[in-house]
Every structure is written in C-alpha cells, then in structure tokens.
Amino acid sequence: MKKPKKQIPQWAATGHARPVTRRDFLASGIIPFAAAVSAPQWMSLLLGSKAHAETAIDKCPAPEGGMPAVFVINLAGGAALSGNFMPHRIDGGKLASYSKMGMGSAPAIVTGFNGAKFYNASQFLSGVNAAAAQGTRDKVNFLGICAKSQDDTAANRMAIEGLVTKAGLVGTYLAHLDRNVNGFRHSPAVLSPPAPLSVARLEDIRNSLGYAGAMGASLTGAQKAKLANLIKNLSEAQARRLMATSSGAQIKDVVECAGIKNVELNSGTAGGIDTPTDINSLWTADPGVAGATIITPQNLAIFGAIAHNVLDGNAGCGTLSLGGYDYHDATRTTGDRLDREAGIVVGRILQTAALKNRKVFIYVASDGSAGSVDSGTGGEAWVTDRGDAGCNYVLAFDPAALHASTGTQLGGFTDGQTADGAHLIGNNAELAAVAAFANYMSFAGQTSRFESVAPGRFTTAQYDDVTKIK
C-alpha cells in the first residue's frame, strides 16, 4: 500500500529554519492570529485628559472628543501588499514592469476606494469588496504607503498604537485590545503603547475590567460591585493622607474613577461590552474561504467582539496580529488565500463601523514583502522575501462623507520595482508609520495637535506632503 505523501510545513516550504519563537510561529502560520486589549491601567486612564470637573464622576477622564476608532492589522511574515495595491512612481507614472511583484510586465488595473489603483487579481481588494457594501466603500479614503522594511522581524518600528493613545484615543473601560493569531506586534514608532490585554476568548474582554477582572470567576457580579464601592470609600477615607503628596489628588481621582467605572459596568448602567446580535451576525457569517486559517468561526467571533468594543469606545486601539504571511512557498495559492482573509477582516471592520455610524481608521502593516518569479505573466508564485518592496495601507471611513484627499499613494516605487528612497519615507519604516499617524490626525480634524504628540518628526512642508487625507 502506498504511503500518504507527507505534507511539508510552511516554514520549510519557504526556506526558513524551524520556528522557535512566538514571532516565528506567527509568521509561519503555526499560530493563526493574536489579539490583545490593554486592561484599564489606572494611570493610563489619565492620558488625554485635559481638565477635571467638581464632582467625582466628572473628574473621571474621558477620551479626547471626536477621535476616530483605530485598528492596526499586523500581517506577520511579509505580505505582498505591493502585489495587491499597484505602486506607481513618485511622479505618478506606471513602472516599466511589475514582473518581480507577481503582476507581470503590464498588469491590468482596477480601481477601488475612489481611485486607488489595484492589480485586477488582488485578493485583498476582493476580500474587502466581499465583506463591505458598496455604499460603505464609497466613503473610504485609501492610502498606499511605499517604504522599505526588514523581512521577517518584529523589529520594524511601525506600530502606531502609542502615538494614537497619546493623541487621546483612550477607551472608557479598556485601553487597548489585542488579538494575536499566530502573529506578532511590530516595534513601536516613537512611543510605546499601553500594555495590551491579549484576547484569546470572548470572556477575556469581560474579565479584564480592572480589579474586578483580576478576581476572575471567584466573585459574582454583585460581589464585584460591592468591592468597587469598598475601594471607592476607602479612597475617600484616605484622601487626607493622599492629598499630602504632590500627586495625591491625581491618585485619588484615578482610584475613584476605577471604582465608579466598574460599578457602572457591573450594575448594567454603562454601555454593554457584549457584541450586539446584528454585529455578531455580520462577523460570524460564513466567509466562504476554503481552508481558512485566520477567519475561522472562533476567530471571527473574537474579532467581532473587539470591533464592537473599539468602535463603541469601550476600548482604545484594536490590534489584530495575523500569522502565516511569510507565504513565499513557491505557490500563489497560499498567498492569495491569506490576502483574501485579511481583506475580509478589513471589510468587516468597515461594515461594522457603517452599521454603528462611526468613523474608523485602519492601518495595515507587514514586515517586508514577498517577491515572485520574475515573469512577464501575472499571477506567478511567491518565492522569496522582498523587503525592498515594502508597502503599508491606510483605510479611513467616515459615515458622513468621503474626505478630501490629495492622492491615494505616499512615496513611490522605482522602475527597479523597489520603494523609492528619494522620497522622505522611502528608506525609513518608522517615519512611514509616523506619516500614517499624521493622516490619522488630519482625518480626525486634529492637525494642529500633531506636533505636540510627535514633535520634530516633520517640517511644516514635509507634514503637508505626507498628509494626503484631509
């Protein structure tokens, strides 16, 4: 009897050593994704607060008003984002060829998101289109950011969560949600974010709520509420001693706020953290992707819970780290499937924002990129890492209307099919991430505050150049 053919693991098929670190497991797809949320650290609740009113509840800091929700999608391993979005030269002209980028020498172009140019066989775009309604997509500003980055590493300083948090996007109950599906987070650009709460199950979100969450299942809801009141009362009793220190009033406010917020949650007077039926139905619908490793039913339910809480303001940033994107396994099949899965996740976030009538800013980043067989024919297999062809995305949705824009591409590529170092961001992945954040601040109507959050990064002229979304 013939022995069944042994399946070659992705890490071996892509020419890498056996994975040993969590980052390795994510990039190779052994772990499909990771997500996290920051537990409400008391001091981080003060971030973005400008003033305190007279009553205890009014003293509790609120998020900076009007800041759009933010999602960071990390595609661990080097996704061919420049093989989906179709980069042009800095002057706007097409490249002489796209033969190393999986699109052939003269690829056909389709437009998405109000004029952004994509390869006509882009599975990322196909996934977004399948998951988000046309009316939603018509209100999305897209930006392809062309910058080189290192392959297969978490060392790229591309994470914007710290910048966004300093700008005032702080959740009412949770600072930062993170879900890791066999992936990893990038190193922070400029500022480190609050430590995220990793979400592996739906219960993790509910169980993360301050000191009540620390007690886990050992206390009932009523007991947690009593504990919250006890801490609040103790903080009042100790106020004189606390006020004797220079930071006493601040400490007192923080403890009171933590208690009040948890009382609200456990008594049901606060906004719910559980996913509403319509949002849950959107996320748990069968995406129709055979062999999916990212958008499995369990993962989609978790993604939906994170999307709900981030868009409702219960949490700050939502980070989804998706694994398996080191997919240069000498086929096109793996990469196309994973690109479509990422597109579906992004599309469902956009559609959730539309259902909730909320603004959302999505930043899609990957460590490096992938290179194809050098061929004049499009659709060739991915065969190598290719960080010189790095590209990240920004998608900004406003339910009210499409924002004005000066372009759908930042930076550009050369005819050598690499990100052009002649542009300010072309050789600097961290500066490219700061440019993405600059577009967030502009989208939020907070251009005047950019310099206070990320001082000295751009001159006025450079800021105007990198800020495409108005």
Protein backbone atom coordinates (compact mmCIF):
# COMPACT_ATOMS: atom_id res chain seq x y z
CA MET A 1 0.00 0.00 0.00
CA LYS A 2 1.32 3.42 -0.95
CA LYS A 3 2.18 5.68 1.98
CA PRO A 4 0.37 9.03 2.04
CA LYS A 5 2.53 11.95 0.96
CA LYS A 6 3.92 13.86 3.91
CA GLN A 7 2.83 17.49 3.95
CA ILE A 8 5.71 19.97 4.05
CA PRO A 9 5.20 22.63 6.74
CA GLN A 10 5.09 26.23 5.56
CA TRP A 11 8.31 27.18 7.38
CA ALA A 12 10.18 24.52 5.43
CA ALA A 13 8.45 25.31 2.13
CA THR A 14 9.51 28.96 2.42
CA GLY A 15 13.15 28.10 3.13
CA HIS A 16 13.27 29.12 6.78
CA ALA A 17 14.62 27.34 9.85
CA ARG A 18 12.28 25.52 12.23
CA PRO A 19 10.32 28.17 14.19
CA VAL A 20 11.33 28.56 17.84
CA THR A 21 9.93 31.94 18.94
CA ARG A 22 6.33 33.14 19.12
CA ARG A 23 7.12 35.56 16.27
CA ASP A 24 8.39 32.65 14.19
CA PHE A 25 5.26 30.61 14.91
CA LEU A 26 3.05 33.53 13.88
CA ALA A 27 4.88 34.31 10.66
CA SER A 28 4.87 30.68 9.60
CA GLY A 29 1.16 30.30 10.31
CA ILE A 30 1.50 27.67 13.05
CA ILE A 31 -0.31 30.19 15.26
CA PRO A 32 -3.01 31.87 13.15
CA PHE A 33 -3.53 35.20 14.93
CA ALA A 34 -3.06 37.25 18.06
CA ALA A 35 -5.19 39.99 19.53
CA ALA A 36 -4.99 41.96 22.72
CA VAL A 37 -6.58 44.71 24.73
CA SER A 38 -4.96 46.68 27.48
CA ALA A 39 -6.52 46.26 30.87
CA PRO A 40 -7.53 49.67 32.22
CA GLN A 41 -4.32 50.64 33.97
CA TRP A 42 -5.29 53.44 36.32
CA MET A 43 -2.59 55.86 35.25
CA SER A 44 -3.29 55.31 31.56
CA LEU A 45 -6.87 56.43 32.12
CA LEU A 46 -5.47 59.92 32.74
CA LEU A 47 -3.89 60.05 29.30
CA GLY A 48 -5.56 62.61 27.10
CA SER A 49 -7.46 64.20 29.99
CA LYS A 50 -7.41 67.99 29.88
CA ALA A 51 -9.47 69.03 32.89
CA HIS A 52 -11.29 67.70 35.93
CA ALA A 53 -14.75 68.92 36.96
CA GLU A 54 -16.01 69.25 40.53
CA THR A 55 -17.90 66.00 41.11
CA ALA A 56 -16.21 62.64 41.47
CA ILE A 57 -17.75 61.19 38.32
CA ASP A 58 -16.95 64.30 36.29
CA LYS A 59 -13.33 64.04 37.40
CA CYS A 60 -13.01 60.72 35.62
CA PRO A 61 -11.05 61.35 32.42
CA ALA A 62 -12.81 60.78 29.13
CA PRO A 63 -11.28 60.06 25.73
CA GLU A 64 -10.33 63.07 23.62
CA GLY A 65 -13.58 64.07 21.96
CA GLY A 66 -14.12 63.13 18.35
CA MET A 67 -11.14 60.83 17.91
CA PRO A 68 -12.00 58.11 15.35
CA ALA A 69 -11.58 54.47 16.31
CA VAL A 70 -8.30 52.84 15.26
CA PHE A 71 -7.49 49.28 14.21
CA VAL A 72 -3.97 48.07 13.49
CA ILE A 73 -3.77 44.93 11.33
CA ASN A 74 -0.33 43.29 11.50
CA LEU A 75 0.30 40.74 8.75
CA ALA A 76 3.20 38.79 10.25
CA GLY A 77 5.86 37.47 7.91
CA GLY A 78 5.94 39.81 4.92
CA ALA A 79 2.69 40.03 2.95
CA ALA A 80 2.85 41.12 -0.69
CA LEU A 81 0.89 44.31 -0.10
CA SER A 82 2.69 45.89 -3.06
CA GLY A 83 1.43 42.96 -5.14
CA ASN A 84 -2.19 43.92 -4.40
CA PHE A 85 -2.17 47.71 -4.38
CA MET A 86 -0.27 48.70 -7.51
CA PRO A 87 2.51 51.21 -6.70
CA HIS A 88 3.46 53.87 -9.22
CA ARG A 89 6.48 56.13 -9.48
CA ILE A 90 6.67 59.26 -7.34
CA ASP A 91 5.67 61.28 -10.42
CA GLY A 92 2.54 59.14 -10.83
CA GLY A 93 3.69 57.12 -13.82
CA LYS A 94 3.42 53.33 -14.08
CA LEU A 95 6.57 51.28 -13.55
CA ALA A 96 8.29 49.83 -16.60
CA SER A 97 7.37 46.38 -15.27
CA TYR A 98 5.85 44.66 -12.24
CA SER A 99 7.40 41.29 -13.09
CA LYS A 100 9.01 40.73 -9.65
CA MET A 101 5.85 41.77 -7.83
CA GLY A 102 3.58 38.99 -9.08
CA MET A 103 1.72 41.21 -11.54
CA GLY A 104 3.61 40.64 -14.79
CA SER A 105 5.07 43.23 -17.13
CA ALA A 106 1.85 45.08 -18.00
CA PRO A 107 -0.80 44.28 -15.39
CA ALA A 108 -4.44 45.21 -15.74
CA ILE A 109 -5.61 47.78 -13.21
CA VAL A 110 -8.85 48.06 -11.28
CA THR A 111 -9.72 50.98 -9.04
CA GLY A 112 -11.05 50.75 -5.53
CA PHE A 113 -11.83 53.22 -2.78
CA ASN A 114 -12.36 56.21 -5.04
CA GLY A 115 -9.46 55.87 -7.41
CA ALA A 116 -6.78 53.79 -5.66
CA LYS A 117 -5.10 51.54 -8.24
CA PHE A 118 -5.05 47.79 -7.59
CA TYR A 119 -3.92 44.76 -9.55
CA ASN A 120 -7.04 43.32 -11.16
CA ALA A 121 -6.42 39.94 -9.46
CA SER A 122 -5.88 41.46 -5.98
CA GLN A 123 -7.32 39.09 -3.42
CA PHE A 124 -7.06 41.69 -0.66
CA LEU A 125 -9.35 44.02 -2.61
CA SER A 126 -11.61 41.11 -3.48
CA GLY A 127 -11.95 40.27 0.22
CA VAL A 128 -12.80 43.83 1.21
CA ASN A 129 -15.36 44.07 -1.60
CA ALA A 130 -16.99 40.84 -0.46
CA ALA A 131 -17.28 42.00 3.16
CA ALA A 132 -18.15 45.71 2.89
CA ALA A 133 -21.10 47.15 0.98
CA GLN A 134 -20.51 49.45 -1.98
CA GLY A 135 -22.04 52.35 -0.07
CA THR A 136 -19.50 51.81 2.70
CA ARG A 137 -16.55 51.54 0.32
CA ASP A 138 -17.61 54.76 -1.40
CA LYS A 139 -16.80 56.63 1.83
CA VAL A 140 -13.34 55.11 2.35
CA ASN A 141 -10.15 57.08 1.74
CA PHE A 142 -7.29 54.73 0.86
CA LEU A 143 -3.57 55.40 1.05
CA GLY A 144 -0.77 53.07 -0.07
CA ILE A 145 2.44 53.94 1.82
CA CYS A 146 5.60 52.91 -0.05
CA ALA A 147 8.56 52.28 2.26
CA LYS A 148 11.20 49.58 2.62
CA SER A 149 11.13 47.45 5.77
CA GLN A 150 13.02 44.50 7.21
CA ASP A 151 11.81 41.00 6.36
CA ASP A 152 10.61 38.51 8.96
CA THR A 153 11.13 40.56 12.10
CA ALA A 154 9.20 42.38 14.80
CA ALA A 155 12.00 45.00 14.90
CA ASN A 156 10.40 47.29 12.31
CA ARG A 157 9.29 50.41 14.17
CA MET A 158 5.88 50.56 12.55
CA ALA A 159 3.38 50.31 15.44
CA ILE A 160 1.31 53.49 15.87
CA GLU A 161 -0.72 52.50 18.95
CA GLY A 162 1.45 54.56 21.32
CA LEU A 163 1.05 57.69 19.20
CA VAL A 164 -2.69 57.20 18.93
CA THR A 165 -3.01 56.71 22.69
CA LYS A 166 -1.02 59.88 23.43
CA ALA A 167 -3.29 61.73 20.99
CA GLY A 168 -6.21 60.90 23.29
CA LEU A 169 -7.79 57.70 21.98
CA VAL A 170 -8.36 56.04 25.35
CA GLY A 171 -11.14 53.52 25.89
CA THR A 172 -13.75 54.13 28.57
CA TYR A 173 -13.04 50.76 30.19
CA LEU A 174 -10.18 49.15 28.26
CA ALA A 175 -7.09 50.91 26.97
CA HIS A 176 -6.04 48.61 24.14
CA LEU A 177 -7.44 45.33 22.80
CA ASP A 178 -5.14 42.91 21.02
CA ARG A 179 -5.78 39.59 19.30
CA ASN A 180 -2.82 37.54 18.10
CA VAL A 181 -3.49 34.82 15.54
CA ASN A 182 -0.06 33.28 15.09
CA GLY A 183 1.37 36.75 14.61
CA PHE A 184 3.40 39.40 16.38
CA ARG A 185 3.26 43.10 17.04
CA HIS A 186 5.72 45.45 15.40
CA SER A 187 8.04 47.61 17.49
CA PRO A 188 6.55 50.99 18.37
CA ALA A 189 7.11 54.07 16.24
CA VAL A 190 8.24 56.91 18.55
CA LEU A 191 6.14 55.91 21.58
CA SER A 192 5.30 52.64 23.30
CA PRO A 193 1.58 51.95 23.77
CA PRO A 194 -0.11 50.78 26.99
CA ALA A 195 0.46 47.09 27.64
CA PRO A 196 -2.35 45.31 25.76
CA LEU A 197 -4.70 42.72 27.14
CA SER A 198 -4.37 39.65 24.92
CA VAL A 199 -7.75 38.28 23.90
CA ALA A 200 -7.92 34.56 23.23
CA ARG A 201 -11.59 34.12 24.20
CA LEU A 202 -14.65 36.33 24.37
CA GLU A 203 -14.58 36.08 28.18
CA ASP A 204 -11.18 37.77 28.27
CA ILE A 205 -12.75 41.13 27.45
CA ARG A 206 -15.27 40.96 30.29
CA ASN A 207 -12.76 39.53 32.76
CA SER A 208 -10.24 42.29 32.06
CA LEU A 209 -12.17 45.08 33.75
CA GLY A 210 -9.84 46.45 36.41
CA TYR A 211 -9.55 44.90 39.83
CA ALA A 212 -12.91 43.17 39.35
CA GLY A 213 -11.40 41.33 36.40
CA ALA A 214 -8.39 40.34 38.46
CA MET A 215 -10.76 38.34 40.67
CA GLY A 216 -11.88 36.34 37.64
CA ALA A 217 -14.75 33.96 38.29
CA SER A 218 -14.20 33.90 42.05
CA LEU A 219 -16.67 36.76 42.61
CA THR A 220 -20.23 37.25 41.42
CA GLY A 221 -21.27 40.44 39.67
CA ALA A 222 -22.85 41.73 42.89
CA GLN A 223 -19.68 40.97 44.86
CA LYS A 224 -17.56 42.79 42.30
CA ALA A 225 -19.85 45.82 42.57
CA LYS A 226 -19.50 45.78 46.37
CA LEU A 227 -15.73 45.55 46.02
CA ALA A 228 -15.79 48.56 43.72
CA ASN A 229 -17.78 50.58 46.27
CA LEU A 230 -15.43 49.49 49.04
CA ILE A 231 -12.39 50.72 47.13
CA LYS A 232 -14.13 53.99 46.35
CA ASN A 233 -15.00 54.53 50.02
CA LEU A 234 -11.51 53.60 51.16
CA SER A 235 -10.05 56.11 48.76
CA GLU A 236 -12.27 58.82 50.25
CA ALA A 237 -11.23 57.86 53.79
CA GLN A 238 -7.57 58.03 52.86
CA ALA A 239 -7.90 61.24 50.87
CA ARG A 240 -6.22 63.44 53.51
CA ARG A 241 -3.10 61.29 53.52
CA LEU A 242 -3.03 61.08 49.74
CA MET A 243 -3.50 64.82 49.35
CA ALA A 244 -0.34 65.39 51.38
CA THR A 245 1.69 64.21 48.38
CA SER A 246 2.16 66.24 45.22
CA SER A 247 0.28 63.63 43.20
CA GLY A 248 -2.29 62.84 45.86
CA ALA A 249 -5.28 64.39 44.12
CA GLN A 250 -4.42 62.58 40.92
CA ILE A 251 -4.12 59.22 42.69
CA LYS A 252 -7.43 59.77 44.48
CA ASP A 253 -9.21 60.61 41.22
CA VAL A 254 -7.79 57.57 39.48
CA VAL A 255 -8.90 55.18 42.23
CA GLU A 256 -12.36 56.75 42.36
CA CYS A 257 -12.71 56.55 38.61
CA ALA A 258 -11.71 52.90 38.51
CA GLY A 259 -14.30 52.12 41.18
CA ILE A 260 -17.07 54.14 39.56
CA LYS A 261 -16.45 52.69 36.13
CA ASN A 262 -16.57 49.13 37.42
CA VAL A 263 -19.75 49.83 39.40
CA GLU A 264 -21.35 51.13 36.20
CA LEU A 265 -20.32 48.07 34.26
CA ASN A 266 -21.43 45.52 36.81
CA SER A 267 -24.74 47.26 37.51
CA GLY A 268 -25.54 47.44 33.81
CA THR A 269 -25.72 51.25 33.66
CA ALA A 270 -22.75 51.50 31.30
CA GLY A 271 -22.71 50.67 27.62
CA GLY A 272 -22.55 46.92 27.06
CA ILE A 273 -19.35 45.18 26.12
CA ASP A 274 -21.16 42.14 24.73
CA THR A 275 -21.45 42.04 20.94
CA PRO A 276 -24.96 43.01 19.72
CA THR A 277 -26.85 40.50 17.61
CA ASP A 278 -26.53 42.39 14.31
CA ILE A 279 -22.77 42.83 14.71
CA ASN A 280 -22.31 39.24 15.81
CA SER A 281 -24.28 38.05 12.76
CA LEU A 282 -22.06 40.10 10.45
CA TRP A 283 -18.89 38.62 11.91
CA THR A 284 -19.99 35.01 12.26
CA ALA A 285 -21.38 34.72 8.72
CA ASP A 286 -19.55 32.11 6.64
CA PRO A 287 -16.89 33.99 4.62
CA GLY A 288 -16.72 31.21 2.04
CA VAL A 289 -12.93 30.79 2.04
CA ALA A 290 -11.86 27.16 1.72
CA GLY A 291 -9.06 26.18 4.09
CA ALA A 292 -9.15 29.47 6.01
CA THR A 293 -6.68 29.69 8.90
CA ILE A 294 -7.38 33.26 10.03
CA ILE A 295 -11.13 33.73 9.59
CA THR A 296 -12.28 30.60 11.40
CA PRO A 297 -15.63 30.76 13.25
CA GLN A 298 -13.95 31.12 16.66
CA ASN A 299 -11.58 33.85 15.50
CA LEU A 300 -14.33 35.78 13.72
CA ALA A 301 -16.45 35.85 16.88
CA ILE A 302 -13.49 37.29 18.80
CA PHE A 303 -12.72 39.80 16.05
CA GLY A 304 -16.35 40.92 16.15
CA ALA A 305 -16.24 41.46 19.92
CA ILE A 306 -13.07 43.53 19.57
CA ALA A 307 -14.56 45.55 16.69
CA HIS A 308 -17.71 46.26 18.73
CA ASN A 309 -15.81 47.43 21.81
CA VAL A 310 -13.29 49.54 19.91
CA LEU A 311 -15.95 51.24 17.76
CA ASP A 312 -18.20 51.89 20.77
CA GLY A 313 -15.30 53.49 22.65
CA ASN A 314 -15.17 50.85 25.39
CA ALA A 315 -11.57 50.17 24.31
CA GLY A 316 -8.86 52.28 22.73
CA CYS A 317 -6.92 50.78 19.82
CA GLY A 318 -7.74 47.34 18.50
CA THR A 319 -4.74 45.36 17.25
CA LEU A 320 -5.11 42.15 15.24
CA SER A 321 -1.87 40.29 14.53
CA LEU A 322 -2.47 37.74 11.79
CA GLY A 323 0.03 34.98 11.13
CA GLY A 324 1.16 32.98 8.12
CA TYR A 325 2.08 35.90 5.87
CA ASP A 326 5.61 34.61 5.26
CA TYR A 327 3.90 32.80 2.39
CA HIS A 328 6.57 32.57 -0.34
CA ASP A 329 6.17 28.79 -0.59
CA ALA A 330 6.63 28.55 -4.39
CA THR A 331 2.86 28.71 -4.91
CA ARG A 332 0.37 31.51 -5.43
CA THR A 333 -2.43 29.66 -3.65
CA THR A 334 -1.36 30.25 -0.05
CA GLY A 335 -0.71 33.95 -0.53
CA ASP A 336 -3.95 34.56 -2.41
CA ARG A 337 -5.99 32.84 0.31
CA LEU A 338 -4.32 34.77 3.14
CA ASP A 339 -4.59 38.09 1.29
CA ARG A 340 -8.32 37.47 0.82
CA GLU A 341 -8.70 36.57 4.51
CA ALA A 342 -7.03 39.85 5.51
CA GLY A 343 -9.29 41.74 3.11
CA ILE A 344 -12.39 40.15 4.63
CA VAL A 345 -11.29 41.16 8.14
CA VAL A 346 -10.73 44.75 7.00
CA GLY A 347 -14.03 44.79 5.10
CA ARG A 348 -15.99 43.56 8.10
CA ILE A 349 -14.42 46.23 10.32
CA LEU A 350 -15.50 48.85 7.77
CA GLN A 351 -19.02 47.42 7.58
CA THR A 352 -19.27 47.28 11.38
CA ALA A 353 -18.34 50.97 11.51
CA ALA A 354 -21.03 51.69 8.91
CA LEU A 355 -23.66 49.82 10.95
CA LYS A 356 -22.67 51.78 14.06
CA ASN A 357 -22.36 55.08 12.15
CA ARG A 358 -18.81 55.54 13.48
CA LYS A 359 -15.58 56.79 11.94
CA VAL A 360 -12.75 54.28 11.75
CA PHE A 361 -9.08 54.41 10.74
CA ILE A 362 -7.43 51.11 9.75
CA TYR A 363 -3.66 50.73 9.42
CA VAL A 364 -2.45 47.54 7.69
CA ALA A 365 1.27 46.82 8.14
CA SER A 366 3.62 43.95 7.34
CA ASP A 367 7.30 43.25 7.93
CA GLY A 368 8.84 43.30 4.48
CA SER A 369 7.10 41.87 1.43
CA ALA A 370 7.20 38.92 -0.96
CA GLY A 371 8.80 38.57 -4.37
CA SER A 372 7.51 36.44 -7.23
CA VAL A 373 9.12 34.50 -10.03
CA ASP A 374 10.43 37.21 -12.41
CA SER A 375 7.95 36.84 -15.24
CA GLY A 376 6.03 38.92 -17.73
CA THR A 377 2.95 36.89 -16.83
CA GLY A 378 0.86 37.91 -13.84
CA GLY A 379 -0.14 35.54 -11.06
CA GLU A 380 3.25 33.84 -10.66
CA ALA A 381 4.24 32.06 -7.44
CA TRP A 382 5.72 33.86 -4.44
CA VAL A 383 9.27 32.58 -3.99
CA THR A 384 11.25 34.97 -1.77
CA ASP A 385 11.24 37.69 0.86
CA ARG A 386 11.49 41.18 -0.61
CA GLY A 387 11.55 43.94 2.00
CA ASP A 388 12.73 46.50 -0.58
CA ALA A 389 9.19 46.32 -1.99
CA GLY A 390 7.57 47.18 1.34
CA CYS A 391 4.15 48.81 1.40
CA ASN A 392 1.55 49.50 4.11
CA TYR A 393 -2.07 50.64 3.83
CA VAL A 394 -4.36 53.18 5.45
CA LEU A 395 -8.15 52.98 5.08
CA ALA A 396 -10.21 55.77 6.66
CA PHE A 397 -14.02 55.57 6.74
CA ASP A 398 -16.38 58.40 7.67
CA PRO A 399 -20.11 57.56 7.51
CA ALA A 400 -20.93 61.22 6.90
CA ALA A 401 -18.94 61.64 3.70
CA LEU A 402 -15.74 60.85 1.85
CA HIS A 403 -12.95 63.19 2.96
CA ALA A 404 -10.98 65.33 0.55
CA SER A 405 -7.67 63.80 -0.48
CA THR A 406 -4.59 64.82 -2.44
CA GLY A 407 -3.77 61.27 -3.53
CA THR A 408 -4.00 57.55 -2.83
CA GLN A 409 -0.25 56.89 -2.68
CA LEU A 410 2.50 58.23 -0.42
CA GLY A 411 6.04 57.88 -1.73
CA GLY A 412 6.55 55.68 -4.75
CA PHE A 413 8.44 52.85 -6.43
CA THR A 414 11.31 52.88 -8.91
CA ASP A 415 11.45 51.05 -12.22
CA GLY A 416 13.66 48.59 -10.32
CA GLN A 417 10.44 47.60 -8.50
CA THR A 418 11.54 48.80 -5.06
CA ALA A 419 10.30 51.56 -2.77
CA ASP A 420 11.94 54.81 -3.85
CA GLY A 421 14.46 56.08 -1.30
CA ALA A 422 14.34 59.52 -2.92
CA HIS A 423 11.13 60.16 -1.01
CA LEU A 424 11.21 61.22 2.63
CA ILE A 425 9.78 57.90 3.87
CA GLY A 426 11.17 55.51 1.25
CA ASN A 427 14.05 54.14 3.36
CA ASN A 428 12.52 54.72 6.78
CA ALA A 429 9.77 52.39 8.03
CA GLU A 430 9.38 54.33 11.28
CA LEU A 431 8.90 57.65 9.51
CA ALA A 432 6.39 55.94 7.21
CA ALA A 433 4.43 54.88 10.31
CA VAL A 434 4.54 58.44 11.66
CA ALA A 435 3.21 59.58 8.27
CA ALA A 436 0.31 57.15 8.66
CA PHE A 437 -0.36 58.68 12.09
CA ALA A 438 -0.22 62.18 10.57
CA ASN A 439 -3.03 61.13 8.24
CA TYR A 440 -4.98 59.86 11.26
CA MET A 441 -4.67 63.24 12.98
CA SER A 442 -5.75 65.02 9.81
CA PHE A 443 -8.70 62.63 9.37
CA ALA A 444 -9.67 63.35 13.00
CA GLY A 445 -9.51 67.12 12.44
CA GLN A 446 -6.59 67.36 14.86
CA THR A 447 -3.80 68.57 12.58
CA SER A 448 -2.84 71.34 15.00
CA ARG A 449 -2.04 68.79 17.71
CA PHE A 450 0.28 66.57 15.66
CA GLU A 451 3.48 68.35 16.69
CA SER A 452 2.66 68.03 20.41
CA VAL A 453 2.26 64.26 20.04
CA ALA A 454 5.18 63.56 17.68
CA PRO A 455 7.45 66.61 17.92
CA GLY A 456 10.26 67.23 15.47
CA ARG A 457 9.41 64.46 13.01
CA PHE A 458 8.41 66.62 10.05
CA THR A 459 8.88 70.19 8.94
CA THR A 460 5.71 72.04 8.01
CA ALA A 461 6.36 71.38 4.32
CA GLN A 462 7.05 67.69 4.95
CA TYR A 463 3.89 67.34 7.03
CA ASP A 464 1.84 68.87 4.24
CA ASP A 465 3.46 66.45 1.77
CA VAL A 466 2.78 63.26 3.74
CA THR A 467 -0.75 64.20 4.81
CA LYS A 468 -2.96 63.06 1.95
CA ILE A 469 -6.28 62.57 3.77
CA LYS A 470 -7.87 65.83 4.84
